Amino acid sequence: MSFPEFTKNHDYDSGIKNIHHIDLYRVQDKKEVVDLGLEEYFAQTNSIVFIEWPEAAESILPKRVIKIYFEIVDEDTKEDICTKFILIPD
């Protein structure tokens, strides 16, 4: 699996669900978020959408989301751990 450091989205077919990996790190404003077509991804019932740096998209996120928070525990290796897992039901 590649990581979208230079492109904003990657799509994968897992054979069960379509997986969309969206990286909003370099997104400057809501217009860019809308131009990426995130709302179309959210409307797909056969998809799972993972968003890194989702703050730019907060206003258009679905009501039901799972938020996972990571914290870097080793600056040298960039090793991280999940520090919080929150399900926000609809």
C-alpha atoms as a PDB file:
ATOM      1  CA  MET A   1       0.000   0.000   0.000  1.00  0.00           C
ATOM      2  CA  SER A   2       1.342   3.411  -0.852  1.00  0.00           C
ATOM      3  CA  PHE A   3       0.704   6.515   1.183  1.00  0.00           C
ATOM      4  CA  PRO A   4      -0.617   9.705  -0.429  1.00  0.00           C
ATOM      5  CA  GLU A   5       2.071  12.168   0.652  1.00  0.00           C
ATOM      6  CA  PHE A   6       2.025  13.851  -2.739  1.00  0.00           C
ATOM      7  CA  THR A   7      -1.425  13.010  -4.005  1.00  0.00           C
ATOM      8  CA  LYS A   8      -4.545  13.764  -2.047  1.00  0.00           C
ATOM      9  CA  ASN A   9      -6.381  10.484  -2.514  1.00  0.00           C
ATOM     10  CA  HIS A  10      -5.800   6.828  -3.279  1.00  0.00           C
ATOM     11  CA  ASP A  11      -8.494   4.278  -3.991  1.00  0.00           C
ATOM     12  CA  TYR A  12      -8.220   0.555  -3.293  1.00  0.00           C
ATOM     13  CA  ASP A  13     -10.528  -2.370  -4.014  1.00  0.00           C
ATOM     14  CA  SER A  14     -10.362  -4.821  -1.116  1.00  0.00           C
ATOM     15  CA  GLY A  15     -12.690  -7.278  -2.821  1.00  0.00           C
ATOM     16  CA  ILE A  16     -15.327  -6.571  -0.179  1.00  0.00           C
ATOM     17  CA  LYS A  17     -15.484  -2.782   0.092  1.00  0.00           C
ATOM     18  CA  ASN A  18     -13.895   0.074  -1.800  1.00  0.00           C
ATOM     19  CA  ILE A  19     -11.373   1.865   0.383  1.00  0.00           C
ATOM     20  CA  HIS A  20     -10.629   5.553  -0.086  1.00  0.00           C
ATOM     21  CA  HIS A  21      -7.570   7.000   1.639  1.00  0.00           C
ATOM     22  CA  ILE A  22      -7.729  10.799   1.651  1.00  0.00           C
ATOM     23  CA  ASP A  23      -4.868  13.007   2.875  1.00  0.00           C
ATOM     24  CA  LEU A  24      -5.934  16.589   3.598  1.00  0.00           C
ATOM     25  CA  TYR A  25      -2.610  17.721   5.079  1.00  0.00           C
ATOM     26  CA  ARG A  26      -1.911  20.235   2.311  1.00  0.00           C
ATOM     27  CA  VAL A  27      -5.514  21.320   1.771  1.00  0.00           C
ATOM     28  CA  GLN A  28      -5.869  25.047   2.267  1.00  0.00           C
ATOM     29  CA  ASP A  29      -9.613  25.667   2.292  1.00  0.00           C
ATOM     30  CA  LYS A  30     -13.082  24.130   2.134  1.00  0.00           C
ATOM     31  CA  LYS A  31     -13.283  24.674  -1.648  1.00  0.00           C
ATOM     32  CA  GLU A  32     -10.382  22.246  -2.120  1.00  0.00           C
ATOM     33  CA  VAL A  33     -12.196  19.700   0.057  1.00  0.00           C
ATOM     34  CA  VAL A  34     -15.361  20.074  -2.025  1.00  0.00           C
ATOM     35  CA  ASP A  35     -13.331  19.768  -5.247  1.00  0.00           C
ATOM     36  CA  LEU A  36     -11.983  16.406  -4.058  1.00  0.00           C
ATOM     37  CA  GLY A  37     -15.552  15.052  -4.087  1.00  0.00           C
ATOM     38  CA  LEU A  38     -15.568  13.761  -0.519  1.00  0.00           C
ATOM     39  CA  GLU A  39     -19.347  13.925  -0.315  1.00  0.00           C
ATOM     40  CA  GLU A  40     -19.527  11.479  -3.237  1.00  0.00           C
ATOM     41  CA  TYR A  41     -17.289   9.055  -1.334  1.00  0.00           C
ATOM     42  CA  PHE A  42     -19.500   9.379   1.762  1.00  0.00           C
ATOM     43  CA  ALA A  43     -22.612   8.567  -0.303  1.00  0.00           C
ATOM     44  CA  GLN A  44     -21.191   5.219  -1.478  1.00  0.00           C
ATOM     45  CA  THR A  45     -22.638   2.434   0.652  1.00  0.00           C
ATOM     46  CA  ASN A  46     -19.924  -0.019  -0.429  1.00  0.00           C
ATOM     47  CA  SER A  47     -17.032   2.190   0.696  1.00  0.00           C
ATOM     48  CA  ILE A  48     -14.890   2.973   3.696  1.00  0.00           C
ATOM     49  CA  VAL A  49     -13.236   6.398   3.775  1.00  0.00           C
ATOM     50  CA  PHE A  50     -10.081   7.061   5.796  1.00  0.00           C
ATOM     51  CA  ILE A  51      -9.131  10.731   6.152  1.00  0.00           C
ATOM     52  CA  GLU A  52      -5.836  11.998   7.478  1.00  0.00           C
ATOM     53  CA  TRP A  53      -5.854  15.590   8.769  1.00  0.00           C
ATOM     54  CA  PRO A  54      -9.683  15.820   8.575  1.00  0.00           C
ATOM     55  CA  GLU A  55     -10.000  19.275  10.153  1.00  0.00           C
ATOM     56  CA  ALA A  56     -10.513  20.939   6.758  1.00  0.00           C
ATOM     57  CA  ALA A  57     -13.491  18.646   6.118  1.00  0.00           C
ATOM     58  CA  GLU A  58     -15.222  18.790   9.517  1.00  0.00           C
ATOM     59  CA  SER A  59     -18.227  20.664   8.151  1.00  0.00           C
ATOM     60  CA  ILE A  60     -19.034  17.995   5.551  1.00  0.00           C
ATOM     61  CA  LEU A  61     -18.193  14.809   7.471  1.00  0.00           C
ATOM     62  CA  PRO A  62     -21.070  12.366   7.877  1.00  0.00           C
ATOM     63  CA  LYS A  63     -22.854  12.353  11.232  1.00  0.00           C
ATOM     64  CA  ARG A  64     -21.613   8.832  12.001  1.00  0.00           C
ATOM     65  CA  VAL A  65     -17.835   8.657  12.068  1.00  0.00           C
ATOM     66  CA  ILE A  66     -15.053   6.915  13.943  1.00  0.00           C
ATOM     67  CA  LYS A  67     -12.204   9.177  14.997  1.00  0.00           C
ATOM     68  CA  ILE A  68      -8.832   7.639  15.750  1.00  0.00           C
ATOM     69  CA  TYR A  69      -6.088   9.745  17.296  1.00  0.00           C
ATOM     70  CA  PHE A  70      -2.385   8.908  17.081  1.00  0.00           C
ATOM     71  CA  GLU A  71       0.539  10.249  19.018  1.00  0.00           C
ATOM     72  CA  ILE A  72       4.208   9.979  18.045  1.00  0.00           C
ATOM     73  CA  VAL A  73       6.009   8.154  20.842  1.00  0.00           C
ATOM     74  CA  ASP A  74       9.474   8.059  19.262  1.00  0.00           C
ATOM     75  CA  GLU A  75      10.613  11.104  17.282  1.00  0.00           C
ATOM     76  CA  ASP A  76      13.619   9.237  15.823  1.00  0.00           C
ATOM     77  CA  THR A  77      11.620   6.396  14.293  1.00  0.00           C
ATOM     78  CA  LYS A  78       8.284   8.244  14.044  1.00  0.00           C
ATOM     79  CA  GLU A  79       6.707   5.280  15.832  1.00  0.00           C
ATOM     80  CA  ASP A  80       3.163   6.108  16.849  1.00  0.00           C
ATOM     81  CA  ILE A  81       0.371   4.661  18.910  1.00  0.00           C
ATOM     82  CA  CYS A  82      -3.384   5.026  18.932  1.00  0.00           C
ATOM     83  CA  THR A  83      -4.235   7.231  21.876  1.00  0.00           C
ATOM     84  CA  LYS A  84      -7.972   7.636  21.412  1.00  0.00           C
ATOM     85  CA  PHE A  85     -10.732   5.857  19.491  1.00  0.00           C
ATOM     86  CA  ILE A  86     -14.131   7.551  19.384  1.00  0.00           C
ATOM     87  CA  LEU A  87     -17.296   6.346  17.645  1.00  0.00           C
ATOM     88  CA  ILE A  88     -19.693   9.196  16.984  1.00  0.00           C
ATOM     89  CA  PRO A  89     -23.072   7.572  16.282  1.00  0.00           C
ATOM     90  CA  ASP A  90     -25.685   9.140  14.038  1.00  0.00           C
END
